[in-house]
């Protein structure tokens, strides 16, 4: 075998291997996938989007510490009520948002009154970070006429909470049953704070996206539920979900954009 033939026999396999390397690593790359920006509401109140090669929804956060309420509708109703009470929720800035989270102090109890720890905060998002402006934290006894209901009348709720200062311990013992006392005195607020901050940041960010989409004339229709959840369907087929600060705020946002964008289809529950 002469030298020329030997060189050819060496070069051809090398060229083949090089070509395969280029095809495998550069030419055979799949086109990047762009997932729609839909959001799925999770049990803890947060939202997850689509991700991965199949654009599946990401898994919801697995909170090891639950709220202790098996009835999600009941939990939401109690939170909505607390948000209307100045003892728990107030504003120091017009552009702030208020959220509450509750933890059932006696989960085995199935009828009112319920004993809960309530943590309510006033928040804003600035420079991409959540900022707490004010808040309250403490035990509360919540009353409501014991009847089966899917829609709770806020005017029929009432509550009792211990005062601050030297009468706190005395009030706790007066308001709550003795098997709840120690739970109150030893209560660790970190879990409920972490939960409410996650809910606050996600909802404020999502609500601002919905307002921006409406102002940019990108929204086709909006659906509002009685618990203030707002779902906005965009003209490109995507969906945004958030909790509005106050009921019917989404209607005001739509009306403000109507001269520029025309009317938006709106439905309410």
C-alpha atoms as a PDB file:
ATOM      1  CA  UNK A   1       0.000   0.000   0.000  1.00  0.00           C
ATOM      2  CA  UNK A   2       1.491   3.307  -1.051  1.00  0.00           C
ATOM      3  CA  UNK A   3       1.574   6.424   1.092  1.00  0.00           C
ATOM      4  CA  UNK A   4      -1.198   8.206  -0.859  1.00  0.00           C
ATOM      5  CA  UNK A   5      -3.647   5.335  -0.346  1.00  0.00           C
ATOM      6  CA  UNK A   6      -2.792   5.178   3.351  1.00  0.00           C
ATOM      7  CA  UNK A   7      -3.485   8.908   3.800  1.00  0.00           C
ATOM      8  CA  UNK A   8      -6.882   8.556   2.076  1.00  0.00           C
ATOM      9  CA  UNK A   9      -7.848   5.641   4.312  1.00  0.00           C
ATOM     10  CA  UNK A  10      -7.017   7.731   7.382  1.00  0.00           C
ATOM     11  CA  UNK A  11      -8.581  11.011   6.242  1.00  0.00           C
ATOM     12  CA  UNK A  12     -11.976   9.638   5.090  1.00  0.00           C
ATOM     13  CA  UNK A  13     -12.953   8.192   8.515  1.00  0.00           C
ATOM     14  CA  UNK A  14     -11.800  11.393  10.186  1.00  0.00           C
ATOM     15  CA  UNK A  15     -13.957  13.484   7.859  1.00  0.00           C
ATOM     16  CA  UNK A  16     -16.910  11.207   8.549  1.00  0.00           C
ATOM     17  CA  UNK A  17     -16.445  11.466  12.291  1.00  0.00           C
ATOM     18  CA  UNK A  18     -16.082  15.229  12.070  1.00  0.00           C
ATOM     19  CA  UNK A  19     -19.226  15.530   9.973  1.00  0.00           C
ATOM     20  CA  UNK A  20     -21.187  13.401  12.434  1.00  0.00           C
ATOM     21  CA  UNK A  21     -19.926  15.586  15.328  1.00  0.00           C
ATOM     22  CA  UNK A  22     -21.064  18.763  13.562  1.00  0.00           C
ATOM     23  CA  UNK A  23     -24.475  17.240  12.708  1.00  0.00           C
ATOM     24  CA  UNK A  24     -25.041  15.863  16.199  1.00  0.00           C
ATOM     25  CA  UNK A  25     -24.031  18.993  18.092  1.00  0.00           C
ATOM     26  CA  UNK A  26     -25.054  21.824  15.800  1.00  0.00           C
ATOM     27  CA  UNK A  27     -27.308  20.781  12.924  1.00  0.00           C
ATOM     28  CA  UNK A  28     -29.463  18.277  14.825  1.00  0.00           C
ATOM     29  CA  UNK A  29     -30.491  20.693  17.602  1.00  0.00           C
ATOM     30  CA  UNK A  30     -34.285  20.937  18.059  1.00  0.00           C
ATOM     31  CA  UNK A  31     -35.887  24.308  17.646  1.00  0.00           C
ATOM     32  CA  UNK A  32     -36.316  26.084  21.001  1.00  0.00           C
ATOM     33  CA  UNK A  33     -39.828  25.743  22.384  1.00  0.00           C
ATOM     34  CA  UNK A  34     -41.735  28.840  23.480  1.00  0.00           C
ATOM     35  CA  UNK A  35     -44.409  27.899  26.026  1.00  0.00           C
ATOM     36  CA  UNK A  36     -47.559  29.954  26.396  1.00  0.00           C
ATOM     37  CA  UNK A  37     -47.614  32.136  29.498  1.00  0.00           C
ATOM     38  CA  UNK A  38     -50.622  30.513  31.149  1.00  0.00           C
ATOM     39  CA  UNK A  39     -50.715  30.207  34.932  1.00  0.00           C
ATOM     40  CA  UNK A  40     -52.220  27.487  37.122  1.00  0.00           C
ATOM     41  CA  UNK A  41     -53.601  28.325  40.549  1.00  0.00           C
ATOM     42  CA  UNK A  42     -52.112  26.136  43.302  1.00  0.00           C
ATOM     43  CA  UNK A  43     -53.798  25.140  46.588  1.00  0.00           C
ATOM     44  CA  UNK A  44     -51.553  27.523  48.570  1.00  0.00           C
ATOM     45  CA  UNK A  45     -52.691  30.494  46.486  1.00  0.00           C
ATOM     46  CA  UNK A  46     -49.542  30.733  44.376  1.00  0.00           C
ATOM     47  CA  UNK A  47     -49.305  30.205  40.605  1.00  0.00           C
ATOM     48  CA  UNK A  48     -47.057  28.121  38.367  1.00  0.00           C
ATOM     49  CA  UNK A  49     -46.428  28.433  34.635  1.00  0.00           C
ATOM     50  CA  UNK A  50     -45.699  26.050  31.778  1.00  0.00           C
ATOM     51  CA  UNK A  51     -42.143  24.811  31.395  1.00  0.00           C
ATOM     52  CA  UNK A  52     -39.969  22.046  29.906  1.00  0.00           C
ATOM     53  CA  UNK A  53     -39.912  20.499  26.415  1.00  0.00           C
ATOM     54  CA  UNK A  54     -43.607  19.552  26.598  1.00  0.00           C
ATOM     55  CA  UNK A  55     -44.729  22.886  28.083  1.00  0.00           C
ATOM     56  CA  UNK A  56     -46.351  21.153  31.048  1.00  0.00           C
ATOM     57  CA  UNK A  57     -47.340  23.090  34.163  1.00  0.00           C
ATOM     58  CA  UNK A  58     -44.635  23.100  36.816  1.00  0.00           C
ATOM     59  CA  UNK A  59     -45.449  21.294  40.043  1.00  0.00           C
ATOM     60  CA  UNK A  60     -47.168  23.316  42.737  1.00  0.00           C
ATOM     61  CA  UNK A  61     -45.133  24.043  45.882  1.00  0.00           C
ATOM     62  CA  UNK A  62     -45.335  21.190  48.372  1.00  0.00           C
ATOM     63  CA  UNK A  63     -45.947  22.994  51.616  1.00  0.00           C
ATOM     64  CA  UNK A  64     -45.188  20.652  54.491  1.00  0.00           C
ATOM     65  CA  UNK A  65     -47.216  22.835  56.867  1.00  0.00           C
ATOM     66  CA  UNK A  66     -50.829  23.145  55.735  1.00  0.00           C
ATOM     67  CA  UNK A  67     -53.321  25.741  56.866  1.00  0.00           C
ATOM     68  CA  UNK A  68     -55.291  23.096  58.771  1.00  0.00           C
ATOM     69  CA  UNK A  69     -58.496  23.890  56.872  1.00  0.00           C
ATOM     70  CA  UNK A  70     -59.853  20.985  54.816  1.00  0.00           C
ATOM     71  CA  UNK A  71     -62.562  23.210  53.322  1.00  0.00           C
ATOM     72  CA  UNK A  72     -60.850  25.610  50.913  1.00  0.00           C
ATOM     73  CA  UNK A  73     -64.037  27.637  50.407  1.00  0.00           C
ATOM     74  CA  UNK A  74     -64.361  28.151  54.159  1.00  0.00           C
ATOM     75  CA  UNK A  75     -60.723  29.199  54.475  1.00  0.00           C
ATOM     76  CA  UNK A  76     -61.099  31.745  51.656  1.00  0.00           C
ATOM     77  CA  UNK A  77     -64.263  33.136  53.236  1.00  0.00           C
ATOM     78  CA  UNK A  78     -62.555  33.661  56.591  1.00  0.00           C
ATOM     79  CA  UNK A  79     -59.632  35.387  54.879  1.00  0.00           C
ATOM     80  CA  UNK A  80     -61.964  37.623  52.874  1.00  0.00           C
ATOM     81  CA  UNK A  81     -63.753  38.595  56.074  1.00  0.00           C
ATOM     82  CA  UNK A  82     -60.536  39.393  57.957  1.00  0.00           C
ATOM     83  CA  UNK A  83     -59.425  41.615  55.079  1.00  0.00           C
ATOM     84  CA  UNK A  84     -62.496  43.790  55.712  1.00  0.00           C
ATOM     85  CA  UNK A  85     -61.660  44.293  59.394  1.00  0.00           C
ATOM     86  CA  UNK A  86     -59.465  47.230  60.437  1.00  0.00           C
ATOM     87  CA  UNK A  87     -58.081  45.198  63.340  1.00  0.00           C
ATOM     88  CA  UNK A  88     -56.327  42.926  60.847  1.00  0.00           C
ATOM     89  CA  UNK A  89     -55.959  44.835  57.583  1.00  0.00           C
ATOM     90  CA  UNK A  90     -55.285  48.465  56.737  1.00  0.00           C
ATOM     91  CA  UNK A  91     -53.412  50.672  54.269  1.00  0.00           C
ATOM     92  CA  UNK A  92     -50.594  53.136  54.764  1.00  0.00           C
ATOM     93  CA  UNK A  93     -50.168  53.704  51.002  1.00  0.00           C
ATOM     94  CA  UNK A  94     -52.754  53.974  48.246  1.00  0.00           C
ATOM     95  CA  UNK A  95     -50.770  51.688  45.921  1.00  0.00           C
ATOM     96  CA  UNK A  96     -50.320  48.855  48.442  1.00  0.00           C
ATOM     97  CA  UNK A  97     -51.967  45.436  48.519  1.00  0.00           C
ATOM     98  CA  UNK A  98     -53.375  43.533  51.496  1.00  0.00           C
ATOM     99  CA  UNK A  99     -53.279  39.774  52.013  1.00  0.00           C
ATOM    100  CA  UNK A 100     -54.078  37.461  54.911  1.00  0.00           C
ATOM    101  CA  UNK A 101     -53.234  33.856  55.718  1.00  0.00           C
ATOM    102  CA  UNK A 102     -54.766  31.742  58.463  1.00  0.00           C
ATOM    103  CA  UNK A 103     -53.765  28.564  60.257  1.00  0.00           C
ATOM    104  CA  UNK A 104     -56.392  26.467  62.002  1.00  0.00           C
ATOM    105  CA  UNK A 105     -55.493  26.052  65.680  1.00  0.00           C
ATOM    106  CA  UNK A 106     -57.977  23.205  66.137  1.00  0.00           C
ATOM    107  CA  UNK A 107     -58.214  21.326  62.785  1.00  0.00           C
ATOM    108  CA  UNK A 108     -60.434  18.561  64.166  1.00  0.00           C
ATOM    109  CA  UNK A 109     -63.231  21.082  64.815  1.00  0.00           C
ATOM    110  CA  UNK A 110     -65.734  21.108  61.940  1.00  0.00           C
ATOM    111  CA  UNK A 111     -68.228  23.769  63.011  1.00  0.00           C
ATOM    112  CA  UNK A 112     -68.057  27.432  63.986  1.00  0.00           C
ATOM    113  CA  UNK A 113     -66.601  29.046  65.926  1.00  0.00           C
ATOM    114  CA  UNK A 114     -63.155  28.373  64.454  1.00  0.00           C
ATOM    115  CA  UNK A 115     -59.940  29.185  66.248  1.00  0.00           C
ATOM    116  CA  UNK A 116     -57.178  30.387  63.961  1.00  0.00           C
ATOM    117  CA  UNK A 117     -53.931  32.255  63.857  1.00  0.00           C
ATOM    118  CA  UNK A 118     -54.265  35.134  61.413  1.00  0.00           C
ATOM    119  CA  UNK A 119     -51.351  36.894  59.766  1.00  0.00           C
ATOM    120  CA  UNK A 120     -52.275  39.878  57.592  1.00  0.00           C
ATOM    121  CA  UNK A 121     -49.847  42.149  55.811  1.00  0.00           C
ATOM    122  CA  UNK A 122     -49.696  45.225  53.596  1.00  0.00           C
ATOM    123  CA  UNK A 123     -47.291  44.809  50.676  1.00  0.00           C
ATOM    124  CA  UNK A 124     -45.837  46.421  47.568  1.00  0.00           C
ATOM    125  CA  UNK A 125     -43.391  45.094  44.986  1.00  0.00           C
ATOM    126  CA  UNK A 126     -40.522  47.481  44.290  1.00  0.00           C
ATOM    127  CA  UNK A 127     -37.566  46.733  41.994  1.00  0.00           C
ATOM    128  CA  UNK A 128     -38.751  43.150  41.708  1.00  0.00           C
ATOM    129  CA  UNK A 129     -38.764  42.535  45.462  1.00  0.00           C
ATOM    130  CA  UNK A 130     -41.610  42.232  47.945  1.00  0.00           C
ATOM    131  CA  UNK A 131     -41.684  44.914  50.638  1.00  0.00           C
ATOM    132  CA  UNK A 132     -43.806  44.663  53.804  1.00  0.00           C
ATOM    133  CA  UNK A 133     -45.288  48.004  54.849  1.00  0.00           C
ATOM    134  CA  UNK A 134     -47.375  46.954  57.861  1.00  0.00           C
ATOM    135  CA  UNK A 135     -49.142  43.955  59.302  1.00  0.00           C
ATOM    136  CA  UNK A 136     -50.762  42.188  62.214  1.00  0.00           C
ATOM    137  CA  UNK A 137     -50.428  38.722  63.666  1.00  0.00           C
ATOM    138  CA  UNK A 138     -52.358  36.916  66.364  1.00  0.00           C
ATOM    139  CA  UNK A 139     -55.052  34.409  67.339  1.00  0.00           C
ATOM    140  CA  UNK A 140     -58.695  35.003  66.482  1.00  0.00           C
ATOM    141  CA  UNK A 141     -62.015  33.321  67.201  1.00  0.00           C
ATOM    142  CA  UNK A 142     -64.306  33.523  64.157  1.00  0.00           C
ATOM    143  CA  UNK A 143     -68.091  33.186  64.394  1.00  0.00           C
ATOM    144  CA  UNK A 144     -70.666  32.458  61.683  1.00  0.00           C
ATOM    145  CA  UNK A 145     -74.156  30.895  61.839  1.00  0.00           C
ATOM    146  CA  UNK A 146     -73.560  27.163  61.438  1.00  0.00           C
ATOM    147  CA  UNK A 147     -75.222  26.352  58.151  1.00  0.00           C
ATOM    148  CA  UNK A 148     -74.165  24.680  54.947  1.00  0.00           C
ATOM    149  CA  UNK A 149     -73.029  27.287  52.478  1.00  0.00           C
ATOM    150  CA  UNK A 150     -70.853  27.735  49.415  1.00  0.00           C
ATOM    151  CA  UNK A 151     -71.194  31.502  49.429  1.00  0.00           C
ATOM    152  CA  UNK A 152     -70.654  33.213  52.761  1.00  0.00           C
ATOM    153  CA  UNK A 153     -72.257  36.549  53.630  1.00  0.00           C
ATOM    154  CA  UNK A 154     -69.494  38.771  55.011  1.00  0.00           C
ATOM    155  CA  UNK A 155     -71.981  40.730  57.111  1.00  0.00           C
ATOM    156  CA  UNK A 156     -72.822  37.613  59.132  1.00  0.00           C
ATOM    157  CA  UNK A 157     -69.265  36.973  60.274  1.00  0.00           C
ATOM    158  CA  UNK A 158     -67.969  38.245  63.604  1.00  0.00           C
ATOM    159  CA  UNK A 159     -64.771  37.729  65.556  1.00  0.00           C
ATOM    160  CA  UNK A 160     -63.124  38.066  68.931  1.00  0.00           C
ATOM    161  CA  UNK A 161     -59.407  38.601  69.438  1.00  0.00           C
ATOM    162  CA  UNK A 162     -57.239  39.189  72.513  1.00  0.00           C
ATOM    163  CA  UNK A 163     -55.989  42.681  73.262  1.00  0.00           C
ATOM    164  CA  UNK A 164     -52.364  43.712  73.401  1.00  0.00           C
ATOM    165  CA  UNK A 165     -50.220  44.253  76.460  1.00  0.00           C
ATOM    166  CA  UNK A 166     -50.767  42.898  79.950  1.00  0.00           C
ATOM    167  CA  UNK A 167     -54.265  41.566  79.216  1.00  0.00           C
ATOM    168  CA  UNK A 168     -53.154  39.360  76.298  1.00  0.00           C
ATOM    169  CA  UNK A 169     -52.696  36.126  78.254  1.00  0.00           C
ATOM    170  CA  UNK A 170     -55.877  36.716  80.246  1.00  0.00           C
ATOM    171  CA  UNK A 171     -57.868  37.317  77.039  1.00  0.00           C
ATOM    172  CA  UNK A 172     -56.457  34.185  75.413  1.00  0.00           C
ATOM    173  CA  UNK A 173     -57.668  32.077  78.326  1.00  0.00           C
ATOM    174  CA  UNK A 174     -61.081  33.745  78.234  1.00  0.00           C
ATOM    175  CA  UNK A 175     -61.686  33.531  74.477  1.00  0.00           C
ATOM    176  CA  UNK A 176     -60.158  30.159  73.547  1.00  0.00           C
ATOM    177  CA  UNK A 177     -60.636  26.629  74.923  1.00  0.00           C
ATOM    178  CA  UNK A 178     -57.865  25.353  77.171  1.00  0.00           C
ATOM    179  CA  UNK A 179     -56.606  22.782  74.628  1.00  0.00           C
ATOM    180  CA  UNK A 180     -55.735  25.705  72.305  1.00  0.00           C
ATOM    181  CA  UNK A 181     -53.940  27.907  74.848  1.00  0.00           C
ATOM    182  CA  UNK A 182     -50.519  26.292  74.626  1.00  0.00           C
ATOM    183  CA  UNK A 183     -50.674  26.195  70.845  1.00  0.00           C
ATOM    184  CA  UNK A 184     -51.223  29.952  70.877  1.00  0.00           C
ATOM    185  CA  UNK A 185     -48.465  30.705  73.385  1.00  0.00           C
ATOM    186  CA  UNK A 186     -45.970  28.517  71.456  1.00  0.00           C
ATOM    187  CA  UNK A 187     -47.093  29.455  67.953  1.00  0.00           C
ATOM    188  CA  UNK A 188     -44.303  29.736  65.363  1.00  0.00           C
ATOM    189  CA  UNK A 189     -45.226  32.424  62.838  1.00  0.00           C
ATOM    190  CA  UNK A 190     -42.451  31.637  60.338  1.00  0.00           C
ATOM    191  CA  UNK A 191     -44.468  29.155  58.253  1.00  0.00           C
ATOM    192  CA  UNK A 192     -47.533  31.354  57.901  1.00  0.00           C
ATOM    193  CA  UNK A 193     -45.350  34.385  57.100  1.00  0.00           C
ATOM    194  CA  UNK A 194     -43.495  32.466  54.394  1.00  0.00           C
ATOM    195  CA  UNK A 195     -46.803  31.316  52.919  1.00  0.00           C
ATOM    196  CA  UNK A 196     -48.387  34.784  52.848  1.00  0.00           C
ATOM    197  CA  UNK A 197     -45.278  36.419  51.355  1.00  0.00           C
ATOM    198  CA  UNK A 198     -45.224  33.878  48.528  1.00  0.00           C
ATOM    199  CA  UNK A 199     -48.922  34.496  47.863  1.00  0.00           C
ATOM    200  CA  UNK A 200     -48.469  38.290  48.020  1.00  0.00           C
ATOM    201  CA  UNK A 201     -45.522  38.461  45.617  1.00  0.00           C
ATOM    202  CA  UNK A 202     -47.110  36.129  43.064  1.00  0.00           C
ATOM    203  CA  UNK A 203     -50.486  37.857  43.107  1.00  0.00           C
ATOM    204  CA  UNK A 204     -49.172  41.412  42.973  1.00  0.00           C
ATOM    205  CA  UNK A 205     -46.938  40.531  40.025  1.00  0.00           C
ATOM    206  CA  UNK A 206     -49.779  38.733  38.195  1.00  0.00           C
ATOM    207  CA  UNK A 207     -52.277  41.544  38.835  1.00  0.00           C
ATOM    208  CA  UNK A 208     -49.852  44.104  37.426  1.00  0.00           C
ATOM    209  CA  UNK A 209     -49.392  41.929  34.320  1.00  0.00           C
ATOM    210  CA  UNK A 210     -53.173  41.813  33.804  1.00  0.00           C
ATOM    211  CA  UNK A 211     -53.495  45.586  34.161  1.00  0.00           C
ATOM    212  CA  UNK A 212     -50.624  46.102  31.719  1.00  0.00           C
ATOM    213  CA  UNK A 213     -52.154  43.657  29.209  1.00  0.00           C
ATOM    214  CA  UNK A 214     -55.512  45.475  29.375  1.00  0.00           C
ATOM    215  CA  UNK A 215     -53.837  48.866  28.912  1.00  0.00           C
ATOM    216  CA  UNK A 216     -51.951  47.465  25.896  1.00  0.00           C
ATOM    217  CA  UNK A 217     -55.247  46.250  24.353  1.00  0.00           C
ATOM    218  CA  UNK A 218     -54.084  42.620  24.516  1.00  0.00           C
ATOM    219  CA  UNK A 219     -57.028  41.158  26.470  1.00  0.00           C
ATOM    220  CA  UNK A 220     -59.943  39.422  24.759  1.00  0.00           C
ATOM    221  CA  UNK A 221     -62.095  38.585  27.803  1.00  0.00           C
ATOM    222  CA  UNK A 222     -62.062  38.564  31.601  1.00  0.00           C
ATOM    223  CA  UNK A 223     -63.748  36.340  34.179  1.00  0.00           C
ATOM    224  CA  UNK A 224     -64.129  37.464  37.812  1.00  0.00           C
ATOM    225  CA  UNK A 225     -65.177  35.153  40.676  1.00  0.00           C
ATOM    226  CA  UNK A 226     -66.698  36.094  44.029  1.00  0.00           C
ATOM    227  CA  UNK A 227     -63.376  35.424  45.822  1.00  0.00           C
ATOM    228  CA  UNK A 228     -61.678  38.135  43.671  1.00  0.00           C
ATOM    229  CA  UNK A 229     -59.875  35.679  41.399  1.00  0.00           C
ATOM    230  CA  UNK A 230     -59.495  37.216  37.940  1.00  0.00           C
ATOM    231  CA  UNK A 231     -58.740  35.251  34.771  1.00  0.00           C
ATOM    232  CA  UNK A 232     -57.798  37.270  31.703  1.00  0.00           C
ATOM    233  CA  UNK A 233     -57.706  35.558  28.297  1.00  0.00           C
ATOM    234  CA  UNK A 234     -55.332  37.319  25.924  1.00  0.00           C
ATOM    235  CA  UNK A 235     -55.940  37.703  22.206  1.00  0.00           C
ATOM    236  CA  UNK A 236     -52.999  35.372  21.520  1.00  0.00           C
ATOM    237  CA  UNK A 237     -54.682  32.578  23.494  1.00  0.00           C
ATOM    238  CA  UNK A 238     -52.620  32.907  26.663  1.00  0.00           C
ATOM    239  CA  UNK A 239     -54.242  33.233  30.098  1.00  0.00           C
ATOM    240  CA  UNK A 240     -53.266  35.303  33.133  1.00  0.00           C
ATOM    241  CA  UNK A 241     -54.645  34.711  36.640  1.00  0.00           C
ATOM    242  CA  UNK A 242     -54.469  36.936  39.711  1.00  0.00           C
ATOM    243  CA  UNK A 243     -56.450  38.044  42.758  1.00  0.00           C
ATOM    244  CA  UNK A 244     -57.662  41.627  42.432  1.00  0.00           C
ATOM    245  CA  UNK A 245     -57.161  43.950  45.438  1.00  0.00           C
ATOM    246  CA  UNK A 246     -60.892  44.651  45.794  1.00  0.00           C
ATOM    247  CA  UNK A 247     -63.928  43.115  44.144  1.00  0.00           C
ATOM    248  CA  UNK A 248     -64.748  44.752  40.785  1.00  0.00           C
ATOM    249  CA  UNK A 249     -61.319  46.436  40.486  1.00  0.00           C
ATOM    250  CA  UNK A 250     -60.937  44.585  37.195  1.00  0.00           C
ATOM    251  CA  UNK A 251     -64.096  46.284  35.882  1.00  0.00           C
ATOM    252  CA  UNK A 252     -62.630  49.703  36.668  1.00  0.00           C
ATOM    253  CA  UNK A 253     -59.384  48.783  34.887  1.00  0.00           C
ATOM    254  CA  UNK A 254     -61.326  47.636  31.817  1.00  0.00           C
ATOM    255  CA  UNK A 255     -63.466  50.782  31.758  1.00  0.00           C
ATOM    256  CA  UNK A 256     -60.362  52.986  31.954  1.00  0.00           C
ATOM    257  CA  UNK A 257     -58.901  51.288  28.864  1.00  0.00           C
ATOM    258  CA  UNK A 258     -62.173  51.228  26.894  1.00  0.00           C
ATOM    259  CA  UNK A 259     -61.682  54.567  25.041  1.00  0.00           C
ATOM    260  CA  UNK A 260     -58.400  53.269  23.616  1.00  0.00           C
ATOM    261  CA  UNK A 261     -59.069  49.538  23.264  1.00  0.00           C
ATOM    262  CA  UNK A 262     -62.824  49.191  23.046  1.00  0.00           C
ATOM    263  CA  UNK A 263     -64.973  47.123  25.369  1.00  0.00           C
ATOM    264  CA  UNK A 264     -63.658  43.854  26.840  1.00  0.00           C
ATOM    265  CA  UNK A 265     -65.949  40.867  27.328  1.00  0.00           C
ATOM    266  CA  UNK A 266     -66.383  40.500  31.089  1.00  0.00           C
ATOM    267  CA  UNK A 267     -68.117  37.794  33.093  1.00  0.00           C
ATOM    268  CA  UNK A 268     -68.695  37.572  36.824  1.00  0.00           C
ATOM    269  CA  UNK A 269     -69.679  34.760  39.143  1.00  0.00           C
END
